[in-house]
């Protein structure tokens, strides 16, 4: 999960959660204080990280 204070120009990553094969998990709750956030993920067999749009 990424959080941005300047509409996505820069961002910080307050939480990283590892999900094991065949499992599921949730990130920790995070107060976005009205700023933009997005979720990102990477499958172990793919080189790239994919992210949702900022919301």
PDB file of N, CA and C in Angstrom:
ATOM      1  N   UNK A   1       0.838  -1.161   0.000  1.00  0.00           N
ATOM      2  CA  UNK A   1       0.000   0.000   0.000  1.00  0.00           C
ATOM      3  C   UNK A   1       0.888   1.229   0.000  1.00  0.00           C
ATOM      4  N   UNK A   2       0.561   2.187  -0.871  1.00  0.00           N
ATOM      5  CA  UNK A   2       1.285   3.455  -0.954  1.00  0.00           C
ATOM      6  C   UNK A   2       0.352   4.599  -0.552  1.00  0.00           C
ATOM      7  N   UNK A   3       0.924   5.656  -0.001  1.00  0.00           N
ATOM      8  CA  UNK A   3       0.156   6.844   0.379  1.00  0.00           C
ATOM      9  C   UNK A   3       0.894   8.069  -0.143  1.00  0.00           C
ATOM     10  N   UNK A   4       0.130   9.008  -0.743  1.00  0.00           N
ATOM     11  CA  UNK A   4       0.733  10.214  -1.312  1.00  0.00           C
ATOM     12  C   UNK A   4       0.111  11.462  -0.702  1.00  0.00           C
ATOM     13  N   UNK A   5       0.959  12.433  -0.379  1.00  0.00           N
ATOM     14  CA  UNK A   5       0.510  13.710   0.162  1.00  0.00           C
ATOM     15  C   UNK A   5       0.483  14.806  -0.900  1.00  0.00           C
ATOM     16  N   UNK A   6       0.951  14.486  -2.138  1.00  0.00           N
ATOM     17  CA  UNK A   6       1.009  15.503  -3.190  1.00  0.00           C
ATOM     18  C   UNK A   6       0.384  15.007  -4.494  1.00  0.00           C
ATOM     19  N   UNK A   7      -0.744  14.342  -4.357  1.00  0.00           N
ATOM     20  CA  UNK A   7      -1.552  13.869  -5.499  1.00  0.00           C
ATOM     21  C   UNK A   7      -0.811  12.869  -6.389  1.00  0.00           C
ATOM     22  N   UNK A   8       0.104  12.068  -5.831  1.00  0.00           N
ATOM     23  CA  UNK A   8       0.761  10.994  -6.559  1.00  0.00           C
ATOM     24  C   UNK A   8       2.124  11.320  -7.135  1.00  0.00           C
ATOM     25  N   UNK A   9       2.597  12.555  -7.007  1.00  0.00           N
ATOM     26  CA  UNK A   9       3.923  12.885  -7.531  1.00  0.00           C
ATOM     27  C   UNK A   9       5.012  12.142  -6.761  1.00  0.00           C
ATOM     28  N   UNK A  10       4.887  12.074  -5.443  1.00  0.00           N
ATOM     29  CA  UNK A  10       5.772  11.277  -4.596  1.00  0.00           C
ATOM     30  C   UNK A  10       4.891  10.487  -3.630  1.00  0.00           C
ATOM     31  N   UNK A  11       5.435   9.440  -3.039  1.00  0.00           N
ATOM     32  CA  UNK A  11       4.641   8.627  -2.131  1.00  0.00           C
ATOM     33  C   UNK A  11       5.528   7.926  -1.118  1.00  0.00           C
ATOM     34  N   UNK A  12       4.888   7.422  -0.065  1.00  0.00           N
ATOM     35  CA  UNK A  12       5.567   6.603   0.927  1.00  0.00           C
ATOM     36  C   UNK A  12       4.862   5.258   0.996  1.00  0.00           C
ATOM     37  N   UNK A  13       5.547   4.276   1.526  1.00  0.00           N
ATOM     38  CA  UNK A  13       5.000   2.919   1.628  1.00  0.00           C
ATOM     39  C   UNK A  13       4.921   2.549   3.119  1.00  0.00           C
ATOM     40  N   UNK A  14       3.805   2.883   3.783  1.00  0.00           N
ATOM     41  CA  UNK A  14       3.710   2.631   5.220  1.00  0.00           C
ATOM     42  C   UNK A  14       3.496   1.177   5.598  1.00  0.00           C
ATOM     43  N   UNK A  15       3.161   0.309   4.647  1.00  0.00           N
ATOM     44  CA  UNK A  15       2.839  -1.074   5.003  1.00  0.00           C
ATOM     45  C   UNK A  15       3.227  -2.037   3.884  1.00  0.00           C
ATOM     46  N   UNK A  16       3.873  -3.139   4.249  1.00  0.00           N
ATOM     47  CA  UNK A  16       4.179  -4.227   3.315  1.00  0.00           C
ATOM     48  C   UNK A  16       3.683  -5.516   3.957  1.00  0.00           C
ATOM     49  N   UNK A  17       2.899  -6.295   3.224  1.00  0.00           N
ATOM     50  CA  UNK A  17       2.356  -7.553   3.729  1.00  0.00           C
ATOM     51  C   UNK A  17       2.686  -8.666   2.758  1.00  0.00           C
ATOM     52  N   UNK A  18       3.289  -9.751   3.237  1.00  0.00           N
ATOM     53  CA  UNK A  18       3.595 -10.915   2.400  1.00  0.00           C
ATOM     54  C   UNK A  18       2.437 -11.899   2.486  1.00  0.00           C
ATOM     55  N   UNK A  19       2.028 -12.414   1.326  1.00  0.00           N
ATOM     56  CA  UNK A  19       0.962 -13.412   1.253  1.00  0.00           C
ATOM     57  C   UNK A  19       1.559 -14.689   0.695  1.00  0.00           C
ATOM     58  N   UNK A  20       1.441 -15.775   1.421  1.00  0.00           N
ATOM     59  CA  UNK A  20       1.972 -17.052   0.969  1.00  0.00           C
ATOM     60  C   UNK A  20       1.084 -17.659  -0.113  1.00  0.00           C
ATOM     61  N   UNK A  21       1.642 -18.522  -0.930  1.00  0.00           N
ATOM     62  CA  UNK A  21       0.916 -19.174  -2.006  1.00  0.00           C
ATOM     63  C   UNK A  21      -0.352 -19.822  -1.476  1.00  0.00           C
ATOM     64  N   UNK A  22      -1.472 -19.534  -2.144  1.00  0.00           N
ATOM     65  CA  UNK A  22      -2.749 -20.129  -1.760  1.00  0.00           C
ATOM     66  C   UNK A  22      -3.380 -19.490  -0.542  1.00  0.00           C
ATOM     67  N   UNK A  23      -2.789 -18.431  -0.032  1.00  0.00           N
ATOM     68  CA  UNK A  23      -3.314 -17.794   1.170  1.00  0.00           C
ATOM     69  C   UNK A  23      -3.926 -16.449   0.877  1.00  0.00           C
ATOM     70  N   UNK A  24      -4.322 -15.793   1.916  1.00  0.00           N
ATOM     71  CA  UNK A  24      -4.827 -14.432   1.801  1.00  0.00           C
ATOM     72  C   UNK A  24      -4.419 -13.681   3.055  1.00  0.00           C
ATOM     73  N   UNK A  25      -4.439 -12.370   2.957  1.00  0.00           N
ATOM     74  CA  UNK A  25      -4.040 -11.555   4.089  1.00  0.00           C
ATOM     75  C   UNK A  25      -4.592 -10.157   3.884  1.00  0.00           C
ATOM     76  N   UNK A  26      -4.492  -9.315   4.887  1.00  0.00           N
ATOM     77  CA  UNK A  26      -4.934  -7.928   4.811  1.00  0.00           C
ATOM     78  C   UNK A  26      -3.801  -7.039   5.292  1.00  0.00           C
ATOM     79  N   UNK A  27      -3.706  -5.853   4.729  1.00  0.00           N
ATOM     80  CA  UNK A  27      -2.712  -4.900   5.220  1.00  0.00           C
ATOM     81  C   UNK A  27      -3.202  -4.316   6.536  1.00  0.00           C
ATOM     82  N   UNK A  28      -2.296  -3.752   7.292  1.00  0.00           N
ATOM     83  CA  UNK A  28      -2.665  -3.074   8.519  1.00  0.00           C
ATOM     84  C   UNK A  28      -3.517  -1.849   8.197  1.00  0.00           C
ATOM     85  N   UNK A  29      -4.391  -1.472   9.108  1.00  0.00           N
ATOM     86  CA  UNK A  29      -5.181  -0.254   8.937  1.00  0.00           C
ATOM     87  C   UNK A  29      -4.237   0.950   8.917  1.00  0.00           C
ATOM     88  N   UNK A  30      -4.555   1.908   8.081  1.00  0.00           N
ATOM     89  CA  UNK A  30      -3.690   3.085   7.956  1.00  0.00           C
ATOM     90  C   UNK A  30      -4.563   4.311   7.768  1.00  0.00           C
ATOM     91  N   UNK A  31      -4.324   5.345   8.522  1.00  0.00           N
ATOM     92  CA  UNK A  31      -5.066   6.597   8.393  1.00  0.00           C
ATOM     93  C   UNK A  31      -4.482   7.401   7.240  1.00  0.00           C
ATOM     94  N   UNK A  32      -5.250   7.590   6.182  1.00  0.00           N
ATOM     95  CA  UNK A  32      -4.723   8.324   5.026  1.00  0.00           C
ATOM     96  C   UNK A  32      -4.871   9.834   5.182  1.00  0.00           C
ATOM     97  N   UNK A  33      -5.531  10.295   6.225  1.00  0.00           N
ATOM     98  CA  UNK A  33      -5.683  11.723   6.519  1.00  0.00           C
ATOM     99  C   UNK A  33      -6.178  12.507   5.293  1.00  0.00           C
ATOM    100  N   UNK A  34      -7.037  11.889   4.489  1.00  0.00           N
ATOM    101  CA  UNK A  34      -7.607  12.556   3.328  1.00  0.00           C
ATOM    102  C   UNK A  34      -6.701  12.609   2.116  1.00  0.00           C
ATOM    103  N   UNK A  35      -5.590  11.879   2.136  1.00  0.00           N
ATOM    104  CA  UNK A  35      -4.654  11.865   1.012  1.00  0.00           C
ATOM    105  C   UNK A  35      -4.922  10.668   0.112  1.00  0.00           C
ATOM    106  N   UNK A  36      -4.251  10.624  -1.026  1.00  0.00           N
ATOM    107  CA  UNK A  36      -4.454   9.534  -1.976  1.00  0.00           C
ATOM    108  C   UNK A  36      -3.734   8.265  -1.523  1.00  0.00           C
ATOM    109  N   UNK A  37      -4.345   7.109  -1.858  1.00  0.00           N
ATOM    110  CA  UNK A  37      -3.751   5.817  -1.541  1.00  0.00           C
ATOM    111  C   UNK A  37      -3.923   4.902  -2.746  1.00  0.00           C
ATOM    112  N   UNK A  38      -3.071   3.863  -2.818  1.00  0.00           N
ATOM    113  CA  UNK A  38      -3.209   2.829  -3.846  1.00  0.00           C
ATOM    114  C   UNK A  38      -2.668   1.522  -3.282  1.00  0.00           C
ATOM    115  N   UNK A  39      -3.150   0.431  -3.838  1.00  0.00           N
ATOM    116  CA  UNK A  39      -2.664  -0.892  -3.459  1.00  0.00           C
ATOM    117  C   UNK A  39      -1.743  -1.401  -4.558  1.00  0.00           C
ATOM    118  N   UNK A  40      -0.661  -2.062  -4.173  1.00  0.00           N
ATOM    119  CA  UNK A  40       0.304  -2.610  -5.127  1.00  0.00           C
ATOM    120  C   UNK A  40       0.589  -4.063  -4.769  1.00  0.00           C
ATOM    121  N   UNK A  41       1.002  -4.837  -5.756  1.00  0.00           N
ATOM    122  CA  UNK A  41       1.352  -6.227  -5.496  1.00  0.00           C
ATOM    123  C   UNK A  41       2.275  -6.776  -6.560  1.00  0.00           C
ATOM    124  N   UNK A  42       2.961  -7.861  -6.202  1.00  0.00           N
ATOM    125  CA  UNK A  42       3.875  -8.533  -7.120  1.00  0.00           C
ATOM    126  C   UNK A  42       3.772 -10.031  -6.889  1.00  0.00           C
ATOM    127  N   UNK A  43       3.517 -10.757  -7.953  1.00  0.00           N
ATOM    128  CA  UNK A  43       3.539 -12.217  -7.885  1.00  0.00           C
ATOM    129  C   UNK A  43       4.989 -12.678  -7.956  1.00  0.00           C
ATOM    130  N   UNK A  44       5.334 -13.697  -7.205  1.00  0.00           N
ATOM    131  CA  UNK A  44       6.739 -14.122  -7.129  1.00  0.00           C
ATOM    132  C   UNK A  44       7.307 -14.565  -8.473  1.00  0.00           C
ATOM    133  N   UNK A  45       6.458 -15.005  -9.389  1.00  0.00           N
ATOM    134  CA  UNK A  45       6.959 -15.471 -10.679  1.00  0.00           C
ATOM    135  C   UNK A  45       6.900 -14.394 -11.780  1.00  0.00           C
ATOM    136  N   UNK A  46       6.624 -13.133 -11.400  1.00  0.00           N
ATOM    137  CA  UNK A  46       6.629 -12.011 -12.337  1.00  0.00           C
ATOM    138  C   UNK A  46       7.618 -10.962 -11.843  1.00  0.00           C
ATOM    139  N   UNK A  47       8.342 -10.296 -12.756  1.00  0.00           N
ATOM    140  CA  UNK A  47       9.354  -9.326 -12.310  1.00  0.00           C
ATOM    141  C   UNK A  47       8.779  -7.966 -11.891  1.00  0.00           C
ATOM    142  N   UNK A  48       7.582  -7.619 -12.367  1.00  0.00           N
ATOM    143  CA  UNK A  48       7.050  -6.271 -12.156  1.00  0.00           C
ATOM    144  C   UNK A  48       6.039  -6.192 -11.022  1.00  0.00           C
ATOM    145  N   UNK A  49       5.978  -5.024 -10.401  1.00  0.00           N
ATOM    146  CA  UNK A  49       4.966  -4.701  -9.402  1.00  0.00           C
ATOM    147  C   UNK A  49       3.808  -4.009 -10.120  1.00  0.00           C
ATOM    148  N   UNK A  50       2.574  -4.391  -9.807  1.00  0.00           N
ATOM    149  CA  UNK A  50       1.394  -3.760 -10.387  1.00  0.00           C
ATOM    150  C   UNK A  50       0.642  -3.009  -9.292  1.00  0.00           C
ATOM    151  N   UNK A  51       0.136  -1.825  -9.632  1.00  0.00           N
ATOM    152  CA  UNK A  51      -0.576  -0.999  -8.663  1.00  0.00           C
ATOM    153  C   UNK A  51      -1.939  -0.593  -9.211  1.00  0.00           C
ATOM    154  N   UNK A  52      -2.885  -0.363  -8.295  1.00  0.00           N
ATOM    155  CA  UNK A  52      -4.181   0.198  -8.684  1.00  0.00           C
ATOM    156  C   UNK A  52      -3.974   1.678  -9.000  1.00  0.00           C
ATOM    157  N   UNK A  53      -5.008   2.329  -9.493  1.00  0.00           N
ATOM    158  CA  UNK A  53      -4.943   3.777  -9.669  1.00  0.00           C
ATOM    159  C   UNK A  53      -5.032   4.422  -8.280  1.00  0.00           C
ATOM    160  N   UNK A  54      -4.609   5.664  -8.169  1.00  0.00           N
ATOM    161  CA  UNK A  54      -4.696   6.391  -6.892  1.00  0.00           C
ATOM    162  C   UNK A  54      -6.166   6.632  -6.579  1.00  0.00           C
ATOM    163  N   UNK A  55      -6.558   6.496  -5.321  1.00  0.00           N
ATOM    164  CA  UNK A  55      -7.933   6.746  -4.872  1.00  0.00           C
ATOM    165  C   UNK A  55      -7.914   7.432  -3.538  1.00  0.00           C
TER     166      UNK A  55
END
